[in-house]
């Protein structure tokens, strides 16, 4: 997922199989989903509560999109049915991200990280506070990072399964590789990429890019 901001407008771009979907915020406070090469959005809703500090996210199948009010309320919309759900957290929200299997929405707040189930419309797990998040491609595990420590949790149970320690405490981004076995971490200071084995927690290799 890539977020681009321009003034009071924001755009979320995700790759979904062969398509690229874009979630756009327009000047008349509408959020719409379209294919990257389409002209008009195929779904639009009133973006009540959206502002220039809001986070937003789009599921890879284009079915759900979400935004927050830069405080403690997140709105999740089913693009097909136009149903919307208001989610309340007990601390301001820093980041939103849907899982690749489109089942969970991760909300990183200034107090903790929480997983909301898009199918049951309920909370599934409460996890430690984090600055970065990465789901496995199959959506079964999630990695949370804060101050250079990365912890891997089982999405279904919330159980801690592995801990990784990065040499640099300043991380730019991270992602779990398509094999669901390798964690890639980009260090902010030197742009060095470090690969970790998810099962053992061991560092595999560091590459300069």
Protein backbone atom coordinates (compact mmCIF):
# COMPACT_ATOMS: atom_id res chain seq x y z
CA UNK A 1 0.00 0.00 0.00
CA UNK A 2 1.24 3.46 -0.90
CA UNK A 3 -0.22 6.70 0.49
CA UNK A 4 0.25 9.97 -1.42
CA UNK A 5 -0.89 13.33 -0.07
CA UNK A 6 -1.38 16.58 -1.97
CA UNK A 7 -2.77 19.44 0.07
CA UNK A 8 -6.07 18.33 1.60
CA UNK A 9 -6.32 15.40 -0.82
CA UNK A 10 -4.99 11.88 -0.27
CA UNK A 11 -4.59 8.80 -2.44
CA UNK A 12 -4.10 5.15 -1.45
CA UNK A 13 -2.72 2.79 -4.09
CA UNK A 14 -2.70 -1.00 -3.72
CA UNK A 15 -1.79 -3.79 -6.12
CA UNK A 16 -4.56 -6.37 -6.39
CA UNK A 17 -3.58 -9.36 -8.52
CA UNK A 18 -3.36 -7.98 -12.08
CA UNK A 19 -5.13 -4.72 -11.23
CA UNK A 20 -3.96 -1.61 -9.44
CA UNK A 21 -6.70 -0.03 -7.35
CA UNK A 22 -6.61 3.55 -6.18
CA UNK A 23 -8.62 5.11 -3.35
CA UNK A 24 -8.95 8.84 -3.93
CA UNK A 25 -10.18 11.70 -1.78
CA UNK A 26 -11.76 14.47 -3.81
CA UNK A 27 -12.26 18.16 -3.15
CA UNK A 28 -15.97 17.66 -2.37
CA UNK A 29 -15.04 15.27 0.48
CA UNK A 30 -15.84 12.04 -1.34
CA UNK A 31 -13.77 8.86 -1.23
CA UNK A 32 -13.86 6.71 -4.34
CA UNK A 33 -12.33 3.44 -5.58
CA UNK A 34 -11.23 3.00 -9.18
CA UNK A 35 -8.83 0.98 -11.26
CA UNK A 36 -5.65 2.94 -11.84
CA UNK A 37 -6.47 3.35 -15.54
CA UNK A 38 -10.15 4.18 -15.06
CA UNK A 39 -11.57 7.69 -15.26
CA UNK A 40 -14.48 7.86 -12.78
CA UNK A 41 -14.42 5.94 -9.49
CA UNK A 42 -16.66 2.87 -9.44
CA UNK A 43 -17.63 3.43 -5.78
CA UNK A 44 -17.95 6.72 -3.92
CA UNK A 45 -19.02 7.56 -0.37
CA UNK A 46 -19.21 10.66 1.77
CA UNK A 47 -15.95 10.86 3.74
CA UNK A 48 -17.35 12.25 6.98
CA UNK A 49 -14.57 12.89 9.47
CA UNK A 50 -11.78 12.74 6.88
CA UNK A 51 -9.19 15.52 7.07
CA UNK A 52 -5.62 16.29 6.00
CA UNK A 53 -4.21 14.31 8.94
CA UNK A 54 -6.34 11.21 8.40
CA UNK A 55 -4.93 7.78 7.66
CA UNK A 56 -6.64 5.67 5.00
CA UNK A 57 -6.40 2.14 3.68
CA UNK A 58 -7.91 0.02 0.89
CA UNK A 59 -8.25 -3.76 0.86
CA UNK A 60 -6.51 -5.46 -2.06
CA UNK A 61 -9.81 -6.77 -3.47
CA UNK A 62 -11.32 -3.29 -3.38
CA UNK A 63 -14.17 -4.44 -1.17
CA UNK A 64 -13.33 -2.45 1.96
CA UNK A 65 -11.81 0.92 2.59
CA UNK A 66 -11.18 2.76 5.83
CA UNK A 67 -10.16 6.14 7.17
CA UNK A 68 -9.85 7.77 10.57
CA UNK A 69 -10.67 11.23 11.89
CA UNK A 70 -7.08 11.75 13.10
CA UNK A 71 -8.39 11.01 16.58
CA UNK A 72 -9.98 7.78 17.86
CA UNK A 73 -12.74 6.97 15.35
CA UNK A 74 -12.19 4.84 12.23
CA UNK A 75 -14.81 4.40 9.53
CA UNK A 76 -14.83 1.13 7.55
CA UNK A 77 -17.01 0.96 4.43
CA UNK A 78 -18.11 -2.08 2.44
CA UNK A 79 -17.86 -0.75 -1.12
CA UNK A 80 -20.41 -3.24 -2.48
CA UNK A 81 -23.19 -2.77 0.07
CA UNK A 82 -22.25 0.78 1.14
CA UNK A 83 -22.55 -0.33 4.77
CA UNK A 84 -20.28 1.59 7.11
CA UNK A 85 -18.97 0.67 10.52
CA UNK A 86 -17.58 3.05 13.15
CA UNK A 87 -14.70 1.64 15.19
CA UNK A 88 -13.65 3.32 18.42
CA UNK A 89 -10.18 3.04 19.94
CA UNK A 90 -9.00 4.35 23.30
CA UNK A 91 -6.05 6.27 21.81
CA UNK A 92 -5.38 8.32 18.66
CA UNK A 93 -4.65 6.32 15.50
CA UNK A 94 -1.24 6.45 13.79
CA UNK A 95 -1.73 4.00 10.91
CA UNK A 96 -4.26 1.72 9.20
CA UNK A 97 -3.61 -1.33 7.03
CA UNK A 98 -5.73 -4.18 5.68
CA UNK A 99 -4.29 -7.70 5.64
CA UNK A 100 -3.52 -9.23 2.22
CA UNK A 101 -6.33 -11.79 2.67
CA UNK A 102 -8.73 -8.86 3.24
CA UNK A 103 -10.02 -10.28 6.53
CA UNK A 104 -8.37 -7.99 9.08
CA UNK A 105 -7.75 -4.29 9.51
CA UNK A 106 -4.75 -3.42 11.66
CA UNK A 107 -5.03 -0.19 13.64
CA UNK A 108 -1.81 1.16 15.13
CA UNK A 109 -2.68 3.58 17.94
CA UNK A 110 -0.60 5.59 20.37
CA UNK A 111 -1.37 2.97 23.02
CA UNK A 112 -1.48 -0.42 21.26
CA UNK A 113 -2.15 -2.28 18.00
CA UNK A 114 -5.54 -3.87 17.40
CA UNK A 115 -6.95 -6.22 14.77
CA UNK A 116 -10.53 -5.72 13.59
CA UNK A 117 -12.21 -8.58 11.72
CA UNK A 118 -14.00 -7.40 8.57
CA UNK A 119 -16.11 -10.57 8.45
CA UNK A 120 -17.33 -10.74 12.05
CA UNK A 121 -17.18 -6.96 12.61
CA UNK A 122 -15.47 -7.57 15.96
CA UNK A 123 -12.04 -7.11 17.53
CA UNK A 124 -9.86 -10.20 17.22
CA UNK A 125 -6.69 -9.22 19.07
CA UNK A 126 -5.04 -6.50 21.12
CA UNK A 127 -1.27 -6.36 20.59
CA UNK A 128 1.61 -4.14 21.76
CA UNK A 129 2.11 -0.62 20.44
CA UNK A 130 4.08 -0.45 17.18
CA UNK A 131 5.52 2.01 14.70
CA UNK A 132 5.48 -0.36 11.70
CA UNK A 133 3.34 -3.33 10.70
CA UNK A 134 3.66 -6.11 8.13
CA UNK A 135 1.29 -8.98 7.40
CA UNK A 136 2.35 -12.25 5.81
CA UNK A 137 0.94 -12.63 2.27
CA UNK A 138 -1.40 -15.39 3.49
CA UNK A 139 -2.65 -13.17 6.34
CA UNK A 140 -1.86 -15.68 9.10
CA UNK A 141 0.87 -13.76 10.93
CA UNK A 142 1.66 -10.12 11.64
CA UNK A 143 4.96 -8.45 12.52
CA UNK A 144 4.96 -5.35 14.72
CA UNK A 145 8.06 -3.16 15.11
CA UNK A 146 8.99 -0.55 17.71
CA UNK A 147 12.46 0.79 18.55
CA UNK A 148 14.17 -1.83 16.41
CA UNK A 149 12.47 -4.82 18.02
CA UNK A 150 10.17 -6.80 15.76
CA UNK A 151 7.68 -9.26 17.17
CA UNK A 152 5.75 -11.80 15.14
CA UNK A 153 2.24 -12.76 16.29
CA UNK A 154 -0.28 -15.35 15.16
CA UNK A 155 -3.25 -13.41 13.78
CA UNK A 156 -5.88 -15.93 14.86
CA UNK A 157 -4.76 -16.34 18.48
CA UNK A 158 -2.69 -13.23 19.12
CA UNK A 159 0.11 -15.47 20.41
CA UNK A 160 3.71 -14.23 20.22
CA UNK A 161 5.65 -16.62 17.99
CA UNK A 162 9.01 -14.96 17.35
CA UNK A 163 11.14 -11.93 18.21
CA UNK A 164 13.70 -10.27 15.92
CA UNK A 165 16.24 -7.64 16.95
CA UNK A 166 17.53 -5.30 14.28
CA UNK A 167 20.97 -3.70 14.69
CA UNK A 168 19.54 -0.32 13.76
CA UNK A 169 16.65 0.99 15.84
CA UNK A 170 15.57 3.25 13.00
CA UNK A 171 13.53 1.22 10.52
CA UNK A 172 12.14 2.70 7.34
CA UNK A 173 9.91 -0.19 6.28
CA UNK A 174 9.49 -3.96 6.45
CA UNK A 175 7.64 -6.71 4.60
CA UNK A 176 7.20 -10.46 4.70
CA UNK A 177 8.30 -12.09 1.45
CA UNK A 178 5.88 -14.08 -0.76
CA UNK A 179 7.28 -17.37 0.60
CA UNK A 180 5.84 -16.46 4.05
CA UNK A 181 9.20 -17.49 5.52
CA UNK A 182 11.40 -14.40 5.24
CA UNK A 183 11.14 -10.94 6.78
CA UNK A 184 12.81 -8.07 4.92
CA UNK A 185 13.69 -4.91 6.88
CA UNK A 186 14.99 -1.63 5.43
CA UNK A 187 17.10 0.46 7.81
CA UNK A 188 16.39 4.18 7.68
CA UNK A 189 19.95 5.42 8.20
CA UNK A 190 21.87 3.50 5.52
CA UNK A 191 19.05 1.92 3.44
CA UNK A 192 20.56 -1.48 4.19
CA UNK A 193 18.16 -4.41 3.71
CA UNK A 194 18.31 -7.19 6.30
CA UNK A 195 16.61 -10.56 5.82
CA UNK A 196 15.43 -12.65 8.78
CA UNK A 197 14.22 -16.24 8.92
CA UNK A 198 10.71 -16.06 10.37
CA UNK A 199 10.80 -19.50 11.98
CA UNK A 200 14.14 -19.21 13.78
CA UNK A 201 14.38 -15.44 14.15
CA UNK A 202 17.95 -15.57 12.84
CA UNK A 203 19.43 -12.93 10.56
CA UNK A 204 20.11 -14.41 7.13
CA UNK A 205 21.93 -11.67 5.27
CA UNK A 206 22.34 -7.88 5.03
CA UNK A 207 22.49 -6.13 1.68
CA UNK A 208 23.47 -2.55 0.81
CA UNK A 209 21.19 -0.90 -1.73
